[in-house]
C-alpha cells in the first residue's frame, strides 16, 4: 500500500484557515462579557436590596428594558443602513458626485448637535415617544455609514471598474459585483460605529419616554441606588460591546477573499 493511500489527507479534516483565524480573533470578547455579567449578577445577589432596588432589578423588568433598548437600536441601525448606504451609492455616481460634500455636511450637523439637545428639540416638535427617539438616533448615527460608504466605493481601483466594463458588464453589475464587494469592509466599519453610537445615545431615550436601559441609569442617579445604576451601566456597555463584536464577525465573514 502506498503512502498516499495509507495516510489520510489531514487537510480534509482540518478547519479552513479562515475559520481558524475567525475563532482566534473573536473568541476573547464573549468570555470577557460573560465574566463581567456574571460578576455583576453575583454582586447584586449578595446585596440586601430595598423595595426600589428590588423592583428596578426584577428579572422581568430588566428583560423588558433590555428588549426595548435592543429594539430601538436595531430599528435605528436598519434605517441608517438603508438610508446611508443607499445615499452613499447614489452620491458616488458621476451625475450626483458633486452633491457628496453637501450631504456629508448635512449628516455632520446631526452628529455635531448634542444628542440630548437633539432629542429634546425633536420631542417639542414631534412629541415624546419611541418614534421621536428613533428619528433622533437615525440623525445622530447616519454620518459614519454615509461617509464610509462614499469612501469605500471611491477607493475601489478604477482599473477594476474599467475591466468589468470591458467584459460587457452593465453599470449596475459593476456596482453589485465589483464596487460593493470591495467596499464592504469599509462600509461595515461605519455600521459598527453607528451601532455603538446608537446603543449609547439610546440611553437618553428615557428622557422622552421611549424606554430602554437609560431608565435604570437615571433611577440609580436620582434615587442614589448604586446597584441599579451599575447594573444599567454594565448592561448598556455589554450590549454595545456585543453588537460591536457581532459587527466584527460579520465584517470578517463578508470580507472578500484576498483582502487583508
C-alpha atoms as a PDB file:
ATOM      1  CA  UNK A   1       0.000   0.000   0.000  1.00  0.00           C
ATOM      2  CA  UNK A   2       1.421   3.386  -0.955  1.00  0.00           C
ATOM      3  CA  UNK A   3       1.979   6.243   1.475  1.00  0.00           C
ATOM      4  CA  UNK A   4      -0.677   8.235  -0.323  1.00  0.00           C
ATOM      5  CA  UNK A   5      -3.326   5.633   0.471  1.00  0.00           C
ATOM      6  CA  UNK A   6      -2.044   4.714   3.916  1.00  0.00           C
ATOM      7  CA  UNK A   7      -2.060   8.244   5.370  1.00  0.00           C
ATOM      8  CA  UNK A   8      -5.320  10.183   5.087  1.00  0.00           C
ATOM      9  CA  UNK A   9      -5.179  13.754   3.903  1.00  0.00           C
ATOM     10  CA  UNK A  10      -5.174  15.751   7.110  1.00  0.00           C
ATOM     11  CA  UNK A  11      -6.265  18.906   5.290  1.00  0.00           C
ATOM     12  CA  UNK A  12      -9.664  17.306   4.703  1.00  0.00           C
ATOM     13  CA  UNK A  13     -10.303  17.142   8.433  1.00  0.00           C
ATOM     14  CA  UNK A  14      -8.673  20.439   9.442  1.00  0.00           C
ATOM     15  CA  UNK A  15     -10.946  23.505   9.581  1.00  0.00           C
ATOM     16  CA  UNK A  16     -10.322  26.114   6.881  1.00  0.00           C
ATOM     17  CA  UNK A  17      -7.723  28.699   7.833  1.00  0.00           C
ATOM     18  CA  UNK A  18     -10.322  31.415   7.516  1.00  0.00           C
ATOM     19  CA  UNK A  19     -12.473  29.834  10.228  1.00  0.00           C
ATOM     20  CA  UNK A  20      -9.449  29.259  12.458  1.00  0.00           C
ATOM     21  CA  UNK A  21      -8.487  32.906  12.129  1.00  0.00           C
ATOM     22  CA  UNK A  22     -12.070  33.982  12.797  1.00  0.00           C
ATOM     23  CA  UNK A  23     -12.242  31.968  16.019  1.00  0.00           C
ATOM     24  CA  UNK A  24      -8.821  33.170  17.121  1.00  0.00           C
ATOM     25  CA  UNK A  25      -9.648  36.843  16.582  1.00  0.00           C
ATOM     26  CA  UNK A  26     -13.132  36.850  18.085  1.00  0.00           C
ATOM     27  CA  UNK A  27     -13.141  34.319  20.922  1.00  0.00           C
ATOM     28  CA  UNK A  28     -11.945  36.617  23.704  1.00  0.00           C
ATOM     29  CA  UNK A  29     -14.763  39.168  23.824  1.00  0.00           C
ATOM     30  CA  UNK A  30     -17.639  36.720  24.591  1.00  0.00           C
ATOM     31  CA  UNK A  31     -15.669  35.300  27.524  1.00  0.00           C
ATOM     32  CA  UNK A  32     -14.929  38.780  28.893  1.00  0.00           C
ATOM     33  CA  UNK A  33     -18.566  39.875  28.572  1.00  0.00           C
ATOM     34  CA  UNK A  34     -19.854  36.684  30.179  1.00  0.00           C
ATOM     35  CA  UNK A  35     -17.446  37.145  33.087  1.00  0.00           C
ATOM     36  CA  UNK A  36     -18.499  40.784  33.580  1.00  0.00           C
ATOM     37  CA  UNK A  37     -22.207  39.942  33.510  1.00  0.00           C
ATOM     38  CA  UNK A  38     -21.735  37.009  35.887  1.00  0.00           C
ATOM     39  CA  UNK A  39     -19.708  39.126  38.314  1.00  0.00           C
ATOM     40  CA  UNK A  40     -22.395  41.841  38.278  1.00  0.00           C
ATOM     41  CA  UNK A  41     -25.149  39.281  38.846  1.00  0.00           C
ATOM     42  CA  UNK A  42     -23.333  37.655  41.785  1.00  0.00           C
ATOM     43  CA  UNK A  43     -22.582  41.051  43.316  1.00  0.00           C
ATOM     44  CA  UNK A  44     -26.222  42.169  43.116  1.00  0.00           C
ATOM     45  CA  UNK A  45     -27.413  38.833  44.529  1.00  0.00           C
ATOM     46  CA  UNK A  46     -25.116  39.287  47.522  1.00  0.00           C
ATOM     47  CA  UNK A  47     -26.759  42.599  48.485  1.00  0.00           C
ATOM     48  CA  UNK A  48     -29.802  43.208  50.639  1.00  0.00           C
ATOM     49  CA  UNK A  49     -31.947  45.138  48.157  1.00  0.00           C
ATOM     50  CA  UNK A  50     -34.679  47.529  49.272  1.00  0.00           C
ATOM     51  CA  UNK A  51     -38.080  47.765  47.583  1.00  0.00           C
ATOM     52  CA  UNK A  52     -36.989  50.285  44.946  1.00  0.00           C
ATOM     53  CA  UNK A  53     -33.893  48.287  44.019  1.00  0.00           C
ATOM     54  CA  UNK A  54     -35.871  45.054  44.003  1.00  0.00           C
ATOM     55  CA  UNK A  55     -38.467  46.434  41.584  1.00  0.00           C
ATOM     56  CA  UNK A  56     -35.842  48.001  39.301  1.00  0.00           C
ATOM     57  CA  UNK A  57     -33.690  44.852  39.204  1.00  0.00           C
ATOM     58  CA  UNK A  58     -36.558  42.420  38.848  1.00  0.00           C
ATOM     59  CA  UNK A  59     -35.661  39.968  36.026  1.00  0.00           C
ATOM     60  CA  UNK A  60     -38.893  40.725  34.148  1.00  0.00           C
ATOM     61  CA  UNK A  61     -38.238  44.469  34.281  1.00  0.00           C
ATOM     62  CA  UNK A  62     -34.614  44.017  33.211  1.00  0.00           C
ATOM     63  CA  UNK A  63     -35.712  41.872  30.290  1.00  0.00           C
ATOM     64  CA  UNK A  64     -38.327  44.438  29.286  1.00  0.00           C
ATOM     65  CA  UNK A  65     -35.994  47.452  29.244  1.00  0.00           C
ATOM     66  CA  UNK A  66     -33.236  45.442  27.544  1.00  0.00           C
ATOM     67  CA  UNK A  67     -35.685  44.364  24.850  1.00  0.00           C
ATOM     68  CA  UNK A  68     -36.768  47.987  24.392  1.00  0.00           C
ATOM     69  CA  UNK A  69     -33.143  49.078  24.071  1.00  0.00           C
ATOM     70  CA  UNK A  70     -32.336  46.371  21.535  1.00  0.00           C
ATOM     71  CA  UNK A  71     -35.477  47.189  19.562  1.00  0.00           C
ATOM     72  CA  UNK A  72     -34.629  50.899  19.336  1.00  0.00           C
ATOM     73  CA  UNK A  73     -31.028  50.116  18.399  1.00  0.00           C
ATOM     74  CA  UNK A  74     -31.994  47.522  15.774  1.00  0.00           C
ATOM     75  CA  UNK A  75     -34.541  49.791  14.113  1.00  0.00           C
ATOM     76  CA  UNK A  76     -32.068  52.667  14.134  1.00  0.00           C
ATOM     77  CA  UNK A  77     -29.356  50.546  12.538  1.00  0.00           C
ATOM     78  CA  UNK A  78     -31.702  49.170   9.880  1.00  0.00           C
ATOM     79  CA  UNK A  79     -32.888  52.642   8.886  1.00  0.00           C
ATOM     80  CA  UNK A  80     -29.361  54.055   8.952  1.00  0.00           C
ATOM     81  CA  UNK A  81     -28.055  51.277   6.692  1.00  0.00           C
ATOM     82  CA  UNK A  82     -30.913  51.664   4.211  1.00  0.00           C
ATOM     83  CA  UNK A  83     -30.680  55.462   4.119  1.00  0.00           C
ATOM     84  CA  UNK A  84     -26.911  55.936   4.347  1.00  0.00           C
ATOM     85  CA  UNK A  85     -25.792  53.089   2.083  1.00  0.00           C
ATOM     86  CA  UNK A  86     -28.418  53.974  -0.497  1.00  0.00           C
ATOM     87  CA  UNK A  87     -27.483  57.657  -0.398  1.00  0.00           C
ATOM     88  CA  UNK A  88     -23.779  56.810  -0.433  1.00  0.00           C
ATOM     89  CA  UNK A  89     -24.173  54.717  -3.578  1.00  0.00           C
ATOM     90  CA  UNK A  90     -26.094  57.498  -5.329  1.00  0.00           C
ATOM     91  CA  UNK A  91     -23.522  60.105  -4.285  1.00  0.00           C
ATOM     92  CA  UNK A  92     -20.694  58.103  -5.852  1.00  0.00           C
ATOM     93  CA  UNK A  93     -22.389  58.030  -9.281  1.00  0.00           C
ATOM     94  CA  UNK A  94     -20.882  60.511 -11.731  1.00  0.00           C
ATOM     95  CA  UNK A  95     -24.053  62.594 -12.119  1.00  0.00           C
ATOM     96  CA  UNK A  96     -24.534  63.135  -8.366  1.00  0.00           C
ATOM     97  CA  UNK A  97     -20.955  63.096  -7.094  1.00  0.00           C
ATOM     98  CA  UNK A  98     -20.922  66.880  -6.774  1.00  0.00           C
ATOM     99  CA  UNK A  99     -23.590  66.617  -4.053  1.00  0.00           C
ATOM    100  CA  UNK A 100     -21.447  64.420  -1.770  1.00  0.00           C
ATOM    101  CA  UNK A 101     -19.836  67.290   0.238  1.00  0.00           C
ATOM    102  CA  UNK A 102     -23.250  68.869   0.896  1.00  0.00           C
ATOM    103  CA  UNK A 103     -24.823  65.580   2.004  1.00  0.00           C
ATOM    104  CA  UNK A 104     -21.897  64.803   4.291  1.00  0.00           C
ATOM    105  CA  UNK A 105     -22.102  68.287   5.811  1.00  0.00           C
ATOM    106  CA  UNK A 106     -25.830  67.832   6.425  1.00  0.00           C
ATOM    107  CA  UNK A 107     -25.254  64.468   8.113  1.00  0.00           C
ATOM    108  CA  UNK A 108     -22.477  66.024  10.165  1.00  0.00           C
ATOM    109  CA  UNK A 109     -24.942  68.548  11.611  1.00  0.00           C
ATOM    110  CA  UNK A 110     -26.949  65.725  13.155  1.00  0.00           C
ATOM    111  CA  UNK A 111     -23.916  64.228  14.860  1.00  0.00           C
ATOM    112  CA  UNK A 112     -22.417  67.575  15.878  1.00  0.00           C
ATOM    113  CA  UNK A 113     -25.601  68.519  17.741  1.00  0.00           C
ATOM    114  CA  UNK A 114     -25.567  67.285  21.375  1.00  0.00           C
ATOM    115  CA  UNK A 115     -27.651  64.118  21.499  1.00  0.00           C
ATOM    116  CA  UNK A 116     -29.830  65.164  24.429  1.00  0.00           C
ATOM    117  CA  UNK A 117     -30.467  68.557  22.817  1.00  0.00           C
ATOM    118  CA  UNK A 118     -31.435  66.912  19.536  1.00  0.00           C
ATOM    119  CA  UNK A 119     -33.875  64.573  21.268  1.00  0.00           C
ATOM    120  CA  UNK A 120     -35.440  67.396  23.292  1.00  0.00           C
ATOM    121  CA  UNK A 121     -35.882  69.602  20.215  1.00  0.00           C
ATOM    122  CA  UNK A 122     -37.465  66.738  18.300  1.00  0.00           C
ATOM    123  CA  UNK A 123     -39.769  65.945  21.224  1.00  0.00           C
ATOM    124  CA  UNK A 124     -41.003  69.558  21.238  1.00  0.00           C
ATOM    125  CA  UNK A 125     -41.734  69.300  17.516  1.00  0.00           C
ATOM    126  CA  UNK A 126     -42.960  65.684  17.244  1.00  0.00           C
ATOM    127  CA  UNK A 127     -43.949  64.800  20.796  1.00  0.00           C
ATOM    128  CA  UNK A 128     -42.445  62.211  23.105  1.00  0.00           C
ATOM    129  CA  UNK A 129     -42.175  58.501  22.428  1.00  0.00           C
ATOM    130  CA  UNK A 130     -40.197  55.834  20.619  1.00  0.00           C
ATOM    131  CA  UNK A 131     -40.782  57.301  17.138  1.00  0.00           C
ATOM    132  CA  UNK A 132     -39.197  60.603  18.105  1.00  0.00           C
ATOM    133  CA  UNK A 133     -36.262  58.785  19.691  1.00  0.00           C
ATOM    134  CA  UNK A 134     -35.832  56.721  16.531  1.00  0.00           C
ATOM    135  CA  UNK A 135     -35.697  59.813  14.312  1.00  0.00           C
ATOM    136  CA  UNK A 136     -33.141  61.437  16.603  1.00  0.00           C
ATOM    137  CA  UNK A 137     -30.963  58.328  16.725  1.00  0.00           C
ATOM    138  CA  UNK A 138     -31.015  57.948  12.932  1.00  0.00           C
ATOM    139  CA  UNK A 139     -29.973  61.581  12.504  1.00  0.00           C
ATOM    140  CA  UNK A 140     -27.190  61.067  15.037  1.00  0.00           C
ATOM    141  CA  UNK A 141     -25.821  57.787  13.631  1.00  0.00           C
ATOM    142  CA  UNK A 142     -26.156  58.268   9.873  1.00  0.00           C
ATOM    143  CA  UNK A 143     -22.816  60.061   9.323  1.00  0.00           C
ATOM    144  CA  UNK A 144     -20.352  57.154   9.845  1.00  0.00           C
ATOM    145  CA  UNK A 145     -22.198  54.853   7.452  1.00  0.00           C
ATOM    146  CA  UNK A 146     -22.721  57.534   4.799  1.00  0.00           C
ATOM    147  CA  UNK A 147     -19.107  58.677   4.932  1.00  0.00           C
ATOM    148  CA  UNK A 148     -17.699  55.157   4.893  1.00  0.00           C
ATOM    149  CA  UNK A 149     -19.941  54.118   2.002  1.00  0.00           C
ATOM    150  CA  UNK A 150     -18.690  57.030  -0.090  1.00  0.00           C
ATOM    151  CA  UNK A 151     -15.063  56.438   0.876  1.00  0.00           C
ATOM    152  CA  UNK A 152     -15.288  52.669   0.400  1.00  0.00           C
ATOM    153  CA  UNK A 153     -16.743  52.882  -3.098  1.00  0.00           C
ATOM    154  CA  UNK A 154     -14.481  55.726  -4.204  1.00  0.00           C
ATOM    155  CA  UNK A 155     -11.350  53.842  -3.138  1.00  0.00           C
ATOM    156  CA  UNK A 156     -12.066  50.895  -5.458  1.00  0.00           C
ATOM    157  CA  UNK A 157      -9.319  50.644  -8.085  1.00  0.00           C
ATOM    158  CA  UNK A 158     -10.607  52.329 -11.270  1.00  0.00           C
ATOM    159  CA  UNK A 159      -8.797  49.694 -13.326  1.00  0.00           C
ATOM    160  CA  UNK A 160     -11.057  47.010 -11.857  1.00  0.00           C
ATOM    161  CA  UNK A 161     -14.130  49.030 -12.778  1.00  0.00           C
ATOM    162  CA  UNK A 162     -12.853  49.513 -16.303  1.00  0.00           C
ATOM    163  CA  UNK A 163     -12.078  45.804 -16.544  1.00  0.00           C
ATOM    164  CA  UNK A 164     -15.656  44.990 -15.575  1.00  0.00           C
ATOM    165  CA  UNK A 165     -16.998  47.354 -18.182  1.00  0.00           C
ATOM    166  CA  UNK A 166     -14.551  45.935 -20.713  1.00  0.00           C
ATOM    167  CA  UNK A 167     -16.013  42.450 -20.409  1.00  0.00           C
ATOM    168  CA  UNK A 168     -19.507  43.772 -21.059  1.00  0.00           C
ATOM    169  CA  UNK A 169     -20.866  44.283 -17.524  1.00  0.00           C
ATOM    170  CA  UNK A 170     -23.581  46.892 -17.109  1.00  0.00           C
ATOM    171  CA  UNK A 171     -23.096  49.778 -14.641  1.00  0.00           C
ATOM    172  CA  UNK A 172     -25.421  48.030 -12.177  1.00  0.00           C
ATOM    173  CA  UNK A 173     -23.483  44.776 -12.497  1.00  0.00           C
ATOM    174  CA  UNK A 174     -20.193  46.605 -11.929  1.00  0.00           C
ATOM    175  CA  UNK A 175     -21.657  48.196  -8.799  1.00  0.00           C
ATOM    176  CA  UNK A 176     -23.055  44.947  -7.389  1.00  0.00           C
ATOM    177  CA  UNK A 177     -20.259  42.570  -8.398  1.00  0.00           C
ATOM    178  CA  UNK A 178     -17.162  44.797  -8.183  1.00  0.00           C
ATOM    179  CA  UNK A 179     -17.583  48.038  -6.252  1.00  0.00           C
ATOM    180  CA  UNK A 180     -19.810  46.979  -3.348  1.00  0.00           C
ATOM    181  CA  UNK A 181     -17.962  43.717  -2.503  1.00  0.00           C
ATOM    182  CA  UNK A 182     -14.642  45.586  -2.379  1.00  0.00           C
ATOM    183  CA  UNK A 183     -16.192  48.386  -0.311  1.00  0.00           C
ATOM    184  CA  UNK A 184     -17.852  46.032   2.209  1.00  0.00           C
ATOM    185  CA  UNK A 185     -15.058  46.181   4.861  1.00  0.00           C
ATOM    186  CA  UNK A 186     -15.113  49.983   4.938  1.00  0.00           C
ATOM    187  CA  UNK A 187     -18.918  50.163   4.932  1.00  0.00           C
ATOM    188  CA  UNK A 188     -19.204  47.651   7.780  1.00  0.00           C
ATOM    189  CA  UNK A 189     -16.673  49.629   9.822  1.00  0.00           C
ATOM    190  CA  UNK A 190     -19.076  52.557   9.597  1.00  0.00           C
ATOM    191  CA  UNK A 191     -22.008  50.319  10.555  1.00  0.00           C
ATOM    192  CA  UNK A 192     -20.122  49.122  13.656  1.00  0.00           C
ATOM    193  CA  UNK A 193     -19.502  52.732  14.670  1.00  0.00           C
ATOM    194  CA  UNK A 194     -23.173  53.573  14.128  1.00  0.00           C
ATOM    195  CA  UNK A 195     -24.224  50.567  16.234  1.00  0.00           C
ATOM    196  CA  UNK A 196     -22.128  51.641  19.212  1.00  0.00           C
ATOM    197  CA  UNK A 197     -23.342  55.237  18.876  1.00  0.00           C
ATOM    198  CA  UNK A 198     -26.954  54.066  18.735  1.00  0.00           C
ATOM    199  CA  UNK A 199     -26.601  51.937  21.881  1.00  0.00           C
ATOM    200  CA  UNK A 200     -25.037  54.778  23.819  1.00  0.00           C
ATOM    201  CA  UNK A 201     -27.404  57.520  22.680  1.00  0.00           C
ATOM    202  CA  UNK A 202     -30.438  55.239  23.131  1.00  0.00           C
ATOM    203  CA  UNK A 203     -29.906  55.513  26.894  1.00  0.00           C
ATOM    204  CA  UNK A 204     -31.052  59.120  26.553  1.00  0.00           C
ATOM    205  CA  UNK A 205     -34.344  57.997  25.007  1.00  0.00           C
ATOM    206  CA  UNK A 206     -35.696  57.505  28.506  1.00  0.00           C
ATOM    207  CA  UNK A 207     -35.944  61.306  28.853  1.00  0.00           C
ATOM    208  CA  UNK A 208     -38.637  61.375  26.156  1.00  0.00           C
ATOM    209  CA  UNK A 209     -40.487  58.320  27.443  1.00  0.00           C
ATOM    210  CA  UNK A 210     -39.059  55.865  24.892  1.00  0.00           C
ATOM    211  CA  UNK A 211     -37.881  53.291  27.443  1.00  0.00           C
ATOM    212  CA  UNK A 212     -34.603  51.407  27.342  1.00  0.00           C
ATOM    213  CA  UNK A 213     -31.752  50.816  29.742  1.00  0.00           C
ATOM    214  CA  UNK A 214     -31.354  54.535  30.354  1.00  0.00           C
ATOM    215  CA  UNK A 215     -34.231  54.305  32.824  1.00  0.00           C
ATOM    216  CA  UNK A 216     -32.106  52.185  35.151  1.00  0.00           C
ATOM    217  CA  UNK A 217     -29.243  54.664  34.995  1.00  0.00           C
ATOM    218  CA  UNK A 218     -31.494  57.659  35.634  1.00  0.00           C
ATOM    219  CA  UNK A 219     -33.242  55.875  38.518  1.00  0.00           C
ATOM    220  CA  UNK A 220     -29.910  54.938  40.060  1.00  0.00           C
ATOM    221  CA  UNK A 221     -28.639  58.524  39.864  1.00  0.00           C
ATOM    222  CA  UNK A 222     -31.826  60.271  41.042  1.00  0.00           C
ATOM    223  CA  UNK A 223     -32.528  57.908  43.931  1.00  0.00           C
ATOM    224  CA  UNK A 224     -28.877  57.200  44.755  1.00  0.00           C
ATOM    225  CA  UNK A 225     -29.225  53.460  44.259  1.00  0.00           C
ATOM    226  CA  UNK A 226     -25.782  52.225  43.193  1.00  0.00           C
ATOM    227  CA  UNK A 227     -26.857  48.641  42.345  1.00  0.00           C
ATOM    228  CA  UNK A 228     -29.461  49.960  39.893  1.00  0.00           C
ATOM    229  CA  UNK A 229     -27.037  52.467  38.378  1.00  0.00           C
ATOM    230  CA  UNK A 230     -24.208  49.956  37.992  1.00  0.00           C
ATOM    231  CA  UNK A 231     -26.496  47.269  36.575  1.00  0.00           C
ATOM    232  CA  UNK A 232     -27.851  49.671  33.945  1.00  0.00           C
ATOM    233  CA  UNK A 233     -24.345  50.823  33.027  1.00  0.00           C
ATOM    234  CA  UNK A 234     -22.994  47.271  32.790  1.00  0.00           C
ATOM    235  CA  UNK A 235     -25.905  46.083  30.642  1.00  0.00           C
ATOM    236  CA  UNK A 236     -25.550  49.078  28.318  1.00  0.00           C
ATOM    237  CA  UNK A 237     -21.808  48.552  27.969  1.00  0.00           C
ATOM    238  CA  UNK A 238     -22.226  44.818  27.449  1.00  0.00           C
ATOM    239  CA  UNK A 239     -24.839  45.406  24.749  1.00  0.00           C
ATOM    240  CA  UNK A 240     -22.618  47.902  22.928  1.00  0.00           C
ATOM    241  CA  UNK A 241     -19.606  45.579  23.048  1.00  0.00           C
ATOM    242  CA  UNK A 242     -21.714  42.590  21.971  1.00  0.00           C
ATOM    243  CA  UNK A 243     -23.028  44.409  18.910  1.00  0.00           C
ATOM    244  CA  UNK A 244     -19.538  45.668  18.065  1.00  0.00           C
ATOM    245  CA  UNK A 245     -18.254  42.078  18.361  1.00  0.00           C
ATOM    246  CA  UNK A 246     -21.027  40.785  16.114  1.00  0.00           C
ATOM    247  CA  UNK A 247     -20.209  43.520  13.621  1.00  0.00           C
ATOM    248  CA  UNK A 248     -16.582  42.418  13.603  1.00  0.00           C
ATOM    249  CA  UNK A 249     -17.544  38.789  12.998  1.00  0.00           C
ATOM    250  CA  UNK A 250     -19.890  39.727  10.150  1.00  0.00           C
ATOM    251  CA  UNK A 251     -17.248  42.015   8.635  1.00  0.00           C
ATOM    252  CA  UNK A 252     -14.735  39.164   8.600  1.00  0.00           C
ATOM    253  CA  UNK A 253     -17.255  36.759   7.089  1.00  0.00           C
ATOM    254  CA  UNK A 254     -18.221  39.178   4.311  1.00  0.00           C
ATOM    255  CA  UNK A 255     -14.694  40.361   3.582  1.00  0.00           C
ATOM    256  CA  UNK A 256     -13.775  39.321   0.021  1.00  0.00           C
ATOM    257  CA  UNK A 257     -11.067  36.667  -0.087  1.00  0.00           C
ATOM    258  CA  UNK A 258      -7.671  38.068  -0.793  1.00  0.00           C
ATOM    259  CA  UNK A 259      -8.237  41.287   1.168  1.00  0.00           C
ATOM    260  CA  UNK A 260      -6.215  41.712   4.341  1.00  0.00           C
END
